[in-house]
């Protein structure tokens, strides 16, 4: 079963938040940020929404936001580490990733 998930950034709580039905908090990714780096520390999904792609949607939204802002990430959250293993197209965002050899 799939659920429509909207992800927003809550800078006061330092987390990306996933909402369903516009008002129900289904999960979040906590982060810490510097001028060059975003550390993704923890992902939490409400058990009622497990298996509905909330965690995956959060991971993708957080990493897309980091990419859009031209930053890199250090991932210590086990969930996002596992997600990244299945999505190598985000490996370039990793703080310790080698520089790209592809030229424009």
Protein backbone atom coordinates (compact mmCIF):
# COMPACT_ATOMS: atom_id res chain seq x y z
CA UNK A 1 0.00 0.00 0.00
CA UNK A 2 1.40 3.38 -1.02
CA UNK A 3 0.77 6.64 0.79
CA UNK A 4 1.02 10.21 -0.52
CA UNK A 5 3.79 11.80 1.52
CA UNK A 6 4.74 15.48 1.68
CA UNK A 7 8.18 16.29 3.10
CA UNK A 8 8.92 19.67 4.64
CA UNK A 9 11.97 21.07 6.41
CA UNK A 10 11.59 22.10 10.03
CA UNK A 11 14.76 24.13 10.74
CA UNK A 12 13.82 24.82 14.36
CA UNK A 13 13.77 21.10 15.15
CA UNK A 14 16.55 20.38 12.62
CA UNK A 15 14.69 17.72 10.75
CA UNK A 16 12.94 16.83 7.53
CA UNK A 17 9.34 15.86 8.32
CA UNK A 18 7.02 13.58 6.37
CA UNK A 19 3.30 14.28 6.53
CA UNK A 20 0.36 12.28 5.23
CA UNK A 21 -3.15 13.66 4.95
CA UNK A 22 -1.54 17.13 5.16
CA UNK A 23 -1.42 17.09 8.97
CA UNK A 24 -0.30 13.69 10.25
CA UNK A 25 3.41 13.43 11.04
CA UNK A 26 4.43 10.01 9.74
CA UNK A 27 8.20 10.28 10.18
CA UNK A 28 11.28 12.45 10.16
CA UNK A 29 15.02 12.59 9.49
CA UNK A 30 17.09 14.50 12.04
CA UNK A 31 20.13 16.45 10.87
CA UNK A 32 22.92 18.76 11.94
CA UNK A 33 24.28 21.33 9.52
CA UNK A 34 27.37 23.41 8.88
CA UNK A 35 28.04 25.80 6.00
CA UNK A 36 29.34 22.91 3.85
CA UNK A 37 27.94 19.72 5.29
CA UNK A 38 24.68 18.16 6.48
CA UNK A 39 24.98 15.24 8.89
CA UNK A 40 21.97 12.91 8.68
CA UNK A 41 21.79 11.39 12.14
CA UNK A 42 18.51 9.53 12.62
CA UNK A 43 15.36 8.47 10.79
CA UNK A 44 12.13 7.64 12.56
CA UNK A 45 8.90 6.38 10.96
CA UNK A 46 5.70 5.93 12.93
CA UNK A 47 4.95 2.18 13.05
CA UNK A 48 1.51 2.87 11.54
CA UNK A 49 3.26 4.02 8.33
CA UNK A 50 6.01 1.40 8.02
CA UNK A 51 6.06 -0.28 4.64
CA UNK A 52 4.41 2.69 2.92
CA UNK A 53 7.61 4.26 1.54
CA UNK A 54 7.69 7.05 4.14
CA UNK A 55 11.34 6.37 5.00
CA UNK A 56 12.36 6.19 1.35
CA UNK A 57 10.51 9.40 0.56
CA UNK A 58 12.24 11.11 3.49
CA UNK A 59 15.68 9.88 2.41
CA UNK A 60 15.20 11.03 -1.18
CA UNK A 61 13.79 14.43 -0.15
CA UNK A 62 16.62 15.10 2.30
CA UNK A 63 19.30 14.11 -0.20
CA UNK A 64 17.65 16.07 -3.02
CA UNK A 65 17.56 19.14 -0.79
CA UNK A 66 21.23 18.71 0.10
CA UNK A 67 22.11 18.37 -3.60
CA UNK A 68 19.99 21.40 -4.56
CA UNK A 69 21.87 23.53 -2.01
CA UNK A 70 25.28 22.39 -3.28
CA UNK A 71 26.22 20.71 0.00
CA UNK A 72 27.63 17.30 0.91
CA UNK A 73 26.42 14.87 3.54
CA UNK A 74 27.86 12.67 6.23
CA UNK A 75 25.38 9.89 6.90
CA UNK A 76 25.42 8.18 10.29
CA UNK A 77 21.79 7.05 10.21
CA UNK A 78 21.67 3.27 9.55
CA UNK A 79 18.42 3.54 7.59
CA UNK A 80 19.80 6.10 5.13
CA UNK A 81 23.09 4.20 4.82
CA UNK A 82 21.05 1.16 3.73
CA UNK A 83 18.93 3.26 1.38
CA UNK A 84 22.05 4.68 -0.26
CA UNK A 85 23.31 1.16 -1.02
CA UNK A 86 20.26 0.73 -3.25
CA UNK A 87 20.52 4.22 -4.82
CA UNK A 88 24.08 4.76 -6.09
CA UNK A 89 23.00 7.90 -7.95
CA UNK A 90 23.26 9.72 -4.60
CA UNK A 91 26.78 8.51 -3.73
CA UNK A 92 28.34 11.72 -5.05
CA UNK A 93 26.77 13.63 -2.13
CA UNK A 94 28.72 11.69 0.47
CA UNK A 95 31.30 13.72 2.33
CA UNK A 96 33.99 11.09 1.77
CA UNK A 97 33.03 10.26 -1.82
CA UNK A 98 35.78 10.71 -4.42
CA UNK A 99 35.47 13.67 -6.73
CA UNK A 100 33.60 13.01 -9.94
CA UNK A 101 35.71 12.30 -13.01
CA UNK A 102 32.88 13.17 -15.37
CA UNK A 103 33.28 16.52 -17.11
CA UNK A 104 30.41 18.67 -18.35
